[in-house]
PDB file of all heavy atoms in Angstrom:
ATOM      1  N   ALA A   1     -40.978 187.986  79.795  1.00  0.00           N
ATOM      2  CA  ALA A   1     -40.921 189.261  80.530  1.00  0.00           C
ATOM      3  C   ALA A   1     -42.278 189.504  81.181  1.00  0.00           C
ATOM      4  O   ALA A   1     -43.288 188.974  80.726  1.00  0.00           O
ATOM      5  CB  ALA A   1     -40.536 190.396  79.606  1.00  0.00           C
ATOM      6  N   PRO A   2     -42.351 190.321  82.246  1.00  0.00           N
ATOM      7  CA  PRO A   2     -43.626 190.596  82.910  1.00  0.00           C
ATOM      8  C   PRO A   2     -44.658 191.128  81.904  1.00  0.00           C
ATOM      9  O   PRO A   2     -44.381 192.051  81.161  1.00  0.00           O
ATOM     10  CB  PRO A   2     -43.275 191.658  83.945  1.00  0.00           C
ATOM     11  CG  PRO A   2     -41.829 191.408  84.236  1.00  0.00           C
ATOM     12  CD  PRO A   2     -41.214 190.975  82.944  1.00  0.00           C
ATOM     13  N   GLY A   3     -45.862 190.540  81.957  1.00  0.00           N
ATOM     14  CA  GLY A   3     -46.929 190.966  81.081  1.00  0.00           C
ATOM     15  C   GLY A   3     -46.837 190.540  79.608  1.00  0.00           C
ATOM     16  O   GLY A   3     -47.670 190.970  78.827  1.00  0.00           O
ATOM     17  N   LYS A   4     -45.850 189.725  79.312  1.00  0.00           N
ATOM     18  CA  LYS A   4     -45.645 189.301  77.910  1.00  0.00           C
ATOM     19  C   LYS A   4     -45.706 187.789  77.842  1.00  0.00           C
ATOM     20  O   LYS A   4     -45.532 187.073  78.803  1.00  0.00           O
ATOM     21  CB  LYS A   4     -44.287 189.809  77.432  1.00  0.00           C
ATOM     22  CG  LYS A   4     -44.220 191.324  77.388  1.00  0.00           C
ATOM     23  CD  LYS A   4     -42.854 191.775  76.781  1.00  0.00           C
ATOM     24  CE  LYS A   4     -42.779 191.454  75.299  1.00  0.00           C
ATOM     25  NZ  LYS A   4     -41.535 191.984  74.690  1.00  0.00           N
ATOM     26  N   GLU A   5     -45.896 187.341  76.599  1.00  0.00           N
ATOM     27  CA  GLU A   5     -45.908 185.910  76.328  1.00  0.00           C
ATOM     28  C   GLU A   5     -44.479 185.311  76.347  1.00  0.00           C
ATOM     29  O   GLU A   5     -43.556 186.044  76.074  1.00  0.00           O
ATOM     30  CB  GLU A   5     -46.578 185.620  74.986  1.00  0.00           C
ATOM     31  CG  GLU A   5     -48.075 185.956  74.917  1.00  0.00           C
ATOM     32  CD  GLU A   5     -48.924 185.084  75.827  1.00  0.00           C
ATOM     33  OE1 GLU A   5     -48.691 183.811  75.783  1.00  0.00           O
ATOM     34  OE2 GLU A   5     -49.764 185.613  76.540  1.00  0.00           O
ATOM     35  N   ARG A   6     -44.406 184.075  76.659  1.00  0.00           N
ATOM     36  CA  ARG A   6     -43.147 183.362  76.583  1.00  0.00           C
ATOM     37  C   ARG A   6     -42.700 183.310  75.164  1.00  0.00           C
ATOM     38  O   ARG A   6     -43.439 182.875  74.273  1.00  0.00           O
ATOM     39  CB  ARG A   6     -43.278 181.992  77.188  1.00  0.00           C
ATOM     40  CG  ARG A   6     -41.945 181.292  77.436  1.00  0.00           C
ATOM     41  CD  ARG A   6     -42.090 180.062  78.304  1.00  0.00           C
ATOM     42  NE  ARG A   6     -42.675 180.323  79.585  1.00  0.00           N
ATOM     43  CZ  ARG A   6     -42.803 179.489  80.552  1.00  0.00           C
ATOM     44  NH1 ARG A   6     -42.435 178.217  80.414  1.00  0.00           N
ATOM     45  NH2 ARG A   6     -43.351 179.807  81.716  1.00  0.00           N
ATOM     46  N   GLU A   7     -41.455 183.689  74.848  1.00  0.00           N
ATOM     47  CA  GLU A   7     -40.962 183.738  73.534  1.00  0.00           C
ATOM     48  C   GLU A   7     -39.695 182.929  73.351  1.00  0.00           C
ATOM     49  O   GLU A   7     -38.915 182.743  74.225  1.00  0.00           O
ATOM     50  CB  GLU A   7     -40.688 185.177  73.105  1.00  0.00           C
ATOM     51  CG  GLU A   7     -39.582 185.849  73.850  1.00  0.00           C
ATOM     52  CD  GLU A   7     -39.317 187.264  73.353  1.00  0.00           C
ATOM     53  OE1 GLU A   7     -39.971 187.714  72.381  1.00  0.00           O
ATOM     54  OE2 GLU A   7     -38.383 187.921  73.927  1.00  0.00           O
ATOM     55  N   PHE A   8     -39.495 182.472  72.125  1.00  0.00           N
ATOM     56  CA  PHE A   8     -38.393 181.679  71.798  1.00  0.00           C
ATOM     57  C   PHE A   8     -37.082 182.508  71.769  1.00  0.00           C
ATOM     58  O   PHE A   8     -37.038 183.626  71.358  1.00  0.00           O
ATOM     59  CB  PHE A   8     -38.585 181.105  70.338  1.00  0.00           C
ATOM     60  CG  PHE A   8     -37.374 180.460  69.745  1.00  0.00           C
ATOM     61  CD1 PHE A   8     -36.892 179.233  70.212  1.00  0.00           C
ATOM     62  CD2 PHE A   8     -36.696 181.111  68.716  1.00  0.00           C
ATOM     63  CE1 PHE A   8     -35.755 178.652  69.659  1.00  0.00           C
ATOM     64  CE2 PHE A   8     -35.569 180.523  68.105  1.00  0.00           C
ATOM     65  CZ  PHE A   8     -35.112 179.289  68.608  1.00  0.00           C
ATOM     66  N   VAL A   9     -35.986 181.859  72.252  1.00  0.00           N
ATOM     67  CA  VAL A   9     -34.695 182.538  72.279  1.00  0.00           C
ATOM     68  C   VAL A   9     -33.701 181.756  71.428  1.00  0.00           C
ATOM     69  O   VAL A   9     -33.100 182.314  70.519  1.00  0.00           O
ATOM     70  CB  VAL A   9     -34.140 182.646  73.713  1.00  0.00           C
ATOM     71  CG1 VAL A   9     -32.749 183.258  73.702  1.00  0.00           C
ATOM     72  CG2 VAL A   9     -35.079 183.523  74.539  1.00  0.00           C
ATOM     73  N   ALA A  10     -33.506 180.442  71.742  1.00  0.00           N
ATOM     74  CA  ALA A  10     -32.526 179.663  71.035  1.00  0.00           C
ATOM     75  C   ALA A  10     -32.822 178.202  71.171  1.00  0.00           C
ATOM     76  O   ALA A  10     -33.461 177.787  72.172  1.00  0.00           O
ATOM     77  CB  ALA A  10     -31.098 179.999  71.493  1.00  0.00           C
ATOM     78  N   SER A  11     -32.343 177.380  70.296  1.00  0.00           N
ATOM     79  CA  SER A  11     -32.556 175.923  70.350  1.00  0.00           C
ATOM     80  C   SER A  11     -31.410 175.169  69.681  1.00  0.00           C
ATOM     81  O   SER A  11     -30.709 175.771  68.868  1.00  0.00           O
ATOM     82  CB  SER A  11     -33.897 175.554  69.742  1.00  0.00           C
ATOM     83  OG  SER A  11     -34.014 175.992  68.396  1.00  0.00           O
ATOM     84  N   VAL A  12     -31.296 173.916  70.033  1.00  0.00           N
ATOM     85  CA  VAL A  12     -30.237 173.111  69.510  1.00  0.00           C
ATOM     86  C   VAL A  12     -30.767 171.670  69.364  1.00  0.00           C
ATOM     87  O   VAL A  12     -31.541 171.172  70.217  1.00  0.00           O
ATOM     88  CB  VAL A  12     -28.970 173.110  70.435  1.00  0.00           C
ATOM     89  CG1 VAL A  12     -29.275 172.664  71.849  1.00  0.00           C
ATOM     90  CG2 VAL A  12     -27.837 172.277  69.860  1.00  0.00           C
ATOM     91  N   SER A  13     -30.390 171.010  68.306  1.00  0.00           N
ATOM     92  CA  SER A  13     -30.845 169.659  68.026  1.00  0.00           C
ATOM     93  C   SER A  13     -30.168 168.696  68.946  1.00  0.00           C
ATOM     94  O   SER A  13     -29.231 169.012  69.666  1.00  0.00           O
ATOM     95  CB  SER A  13     -30.546 169.249  66.570  1.00  0.00           C
ATOM     96  OG  SER A  13     -29.186 169.256  66.380  1.00  0.00           O
ATOM     97  N   TRP A  14     -30.667 167.472  68.990  1.00  0.00           N
ATOM     98  CA  TRP A  14     -30.161 166.459  69.933  1.00  0.00           C
ATOM     99  C   TRP A  14     -28.620 166.147  69.742  1.00  0.00           C
ATOM    100  O   TRP A  14     -27.921 165.840  70.696  1.00  0.00           O
ATOM    101  CB  TRP A  14     -30.921 165.188  69.885  1.00  0.00           C
ATOM    102  CG  TRP A  14     -31.031 164.482  68.545  1.00  0.00           C
ATOM    103  CD1 TRP A  14     -30.173 164.544  67.462  1.00  0.00           C
ATOM    104  CD2 TRP A  14     -32.080 163.588  68.158  1.00  0.00           C
ATOM    105  NE1 TRP A  14     -30.618 163.746  66.422  1.00  0.00           N
ATOM    106  CE2 TRP A  14     -31.800 163.152  66.836  1.00  0.00           C
ATOM    107  CE3 TRP A  14     -33.230 163.149  68.772  1.00  0.00           C
ATOM    108  CZ2 TRP A  14     -32.612 162.274  66.118  1.00  0.00           C
ATOM    109  CZ3 TRP A  14     -34.046 162.244  68.061  1.00  0.00           C
ATOM    110  CH2 TRP A  14     -33.736 161.805  66.780  1.00  0.00           C
ATOM    111  N   SER A  15     -28.133 166.277  68.505  1.00  0.00           N
ATOM    112  CA  SER A  15     -26.735 166.114  68.226  1.00  0.00           C
ATOM    113  C   SER A  15     -25.876 167.301  68.532  1.00  0.00           C
ATOM    114  O   SER A  15     -24.649 167.169  68.617  1.00  0.00           O
ATOM    115  CB  SER A  15     -26.550 165.647  66.842  1.00  0.00           C
ATOM    116  OG  SER A  15     -26.848 166.709  65.917  1.00  0.00           O
ATOM    117  N   GLY A  16     -26.476 168.441  68.689  1.00  0.00           N
ATOM    118  CA  GLY A  16     -25.741 169.677  68.779  1.00  0.00           C
ATOM    119  C   GLY A  16     -25.241 170.297  67.509  1.00  0.00           C
ATOM    120  O   GLY A  16     -24.620 171.309  67.491  1.00  0.00           O
ATOM    121  N   SER A  17     -25.589 169.647  66.409  1.00  0.00           N
ATOM    122  CA  SER A  17     -25.097 170.052  65.124  1.00  0.00           C
ATOM    123  C   SER A  17     -25.875 171.185  64.467  1.00  0.00           C
ATOM    124  O   SER A  17     -25.397 171.845  63.555  1.00  0.00           O
ATOM    125  CB  SER A  17     -24.985 168.907  64.159  1.00  0.00           C
ATOM    126  OG  SER A  17     -26.305 168.319  63.876  1.00  0.00           O
ATOM    127  N   SER A  18     -27.109 171.360  64.920  1.00  0.00           N
ATOM    128  CA  SER A  18     -27.987 172.395  64.376  1.00  0.00           C
ATOM    129  C   SER A  18     -28.524 173.283  65.454  1.00  0.00           C
ATOM    130  O   SER A  18     -28.950 172.839  66.516  1.00  0.00           O
ATOM    131  CB  SER A  18     -29.171 171.746  63.629  1.00  0.00           C
ATOM    132  OG  SER A  18     -28.729 170.938  62.537  1.00  0.00           O
ATOM    133  N   THR A  19     -28.555 174.584  65.183  1.00  0.00           N
ATOM    134  CA  THR A  19     -29.015 175.559  66.109  1.00  0.00           C
ATOM    135  C   THR A  19     -29.954 176.550  65.418  1.00  0.00           C
ATOM    136  O   THR A  19     -29.928 176.719  64.188  1.00  0.00           O
ATOM    137  CB  THR A  19     -27.911 176.315  66.800  1.00  0.00           C
ATOM    138  OG1 THR A  19     -27.097 176.981  65.802  1.00  0.00           O
ATOM    139  CG2 THR A  19     -26.977 175.417  67.594  1.00  0.00           C
ATOM    140  N   ASP A  20     -30.776 177.232  66.213  1.00  0.00           N
ATOM    141  CA  ASP A  20     -31.628 178.277  65.728  1.00  0.00           C
ATOM    142  C   ASP A  20     -31.697 179.361  66.815  1.00  0.00           C
ATOM    143  O   ASP A  20     -31.616 179.097  67.960  1.00  0.00           O
ATOM    144  CB  ASP A  20     -33.007 177.716  65.377  1.00  0.00           C
ATOM    145  CG  ASP A  20     -33.822 178.721  64.582  1.00  0.00           C
ATOM    146  OD1 ASP A  20     -33.274 179.589  63.895  1.00  0.00           O
ATOM    147  OD2 ASP A  20     -35.082 178.610  64.629  1.00  0.00           O
ATOM    148  N   TYR A  21     -31.871 180.619  66.337  1.00  0.00           N
ATOM    149  CA  TYR A  21     -31.944 181.719  67.266  1.00  0.00           C
ATOM    150  C   TYR A  21     -33.002 182.699  66.807  1.00  0.00           C
ATOM    151  O   TYR A  21     -33.307 182.868  65.644  1.00  0.00           O
ATOM    152  CB  TYR A  21     -30.616 182.488  67.221  1.00  0.00           C
ATOM    153  CG  TYR A  21     -29.448 181.696  67.713  1.00  0.00           C
ATOM    154  CD1 TYR A  21     -28.659 180.952  66.863  1.00  0.00           C
ATOM    155  CD2 TYR A  21     -29.099 181.717  69.072  1.00  0.00           C
ATOM    156  CE1 TYR A  21     -27.559 180.217  67.325  1.00  0.00           C
ATOM    157  CE2 TYR A  21     -28.026 180.948  69.532  1.00  0.00           C
ATOM    158  CZ  TYR A  21     -27.255 180.229  68.640  1.00  0.00           C
ATOM    159  OH  TYR A  21     -26.224 179.503  69.124  1.00  0.00           O
ATOM    160  N   ALA A  22     -33.594 183.345  67.837  1.00  0.00           N
ATOM    161  CA  ALA A  22     -34.501 184.432  67.487  1.00  0.00           C
ATOM    162  C   ALA A  22     -33.683 185.591  66.941  1.00  0.00           C
ATOM    163  O   ALA A  22     -32.525 185.814  67.273  1.00  0.00           O
ATOM    164  CB  ALA A  22     -35.199 184.925  68.772  1.00  0.00           C
ATOM    165  N   ASP A  23     -34.301 186.335  65.990  1.00  0.00           N
ATOM    166  CA  ASP A  23     -33.631 187.458  65.364  1.00  0.00           C
ATOM    167  C   ASP A  23     -33.117 188.458  66.430  1.00  0.00           C
ATOM    168  O   ASP A  23     -32.052 189.082  66.186  1.00  0.00           O
ATOM    169  CB  ASP A  23     -34.543 188.180  64.414  1.00  0.00           C
ATOM    170  CG  ASP A  23     -34.807 187.369  63.132  1.00  0.00           C
ATOM    171  OD1 ASP A  23     -34.046 186.412  62.851  1.00  0.00           O
ATOM    172  OD2 ASP A  23     -35.783 187.672  62.469  1.00  0.00           O
ATOM    173  N   SER A  24     -33.793 188.619  67.531  1.00  0.00           N
ATOM    174  CA  SER A  24     -33.455 189.600  68.493  1.00  0.00           C
ATOM    175  C   SER A  24     -32.143 189.286  69.255  1.00  0.00           C
ATOM    176  O   SER A  24     -31.549 190.153  69.825  1.00  0.00           O
ATOM    177  CB  SER A  24     -34.529 189.781  69.492  1.00  0.00           C
ATOM    178  OG  SER A  24     -34.870 188.523  70.161  1.00  0.00           O
ATOM    179  N   VAL A  25     -31.735 188.011  69.239  1.00  0.00           N
ATOM    180  CA  VAL A  25     -30.556 187.593  69.925  1.00  0.00           C
ATOM    181  C   VAL A  25     -29.414 187.105  69.032  1.00  0.00           C
ATOM    182  O   VAL A  25     -28.288 186.778  69.497  1.00  0.00           O
ATOM    183  CB  VAL A  25     -30.877 186.530  70.994  1.00  0.00           C
ATOM    184  CG1 VAL A  25     -31.956 187.006  71.942  1.00  0.00           C
ATOM    185  CG2 VAL A  25     -31.218 185.196  70.366  1.00  0.00           C
TER     186      VAL A  25
END
């Protein structure tokens, strides 16, 4: 967001079997 640092939202492993999310989303 403007004036803020880049923050993590979501991610997925190469196989698609594992995911992670920021608490906010």
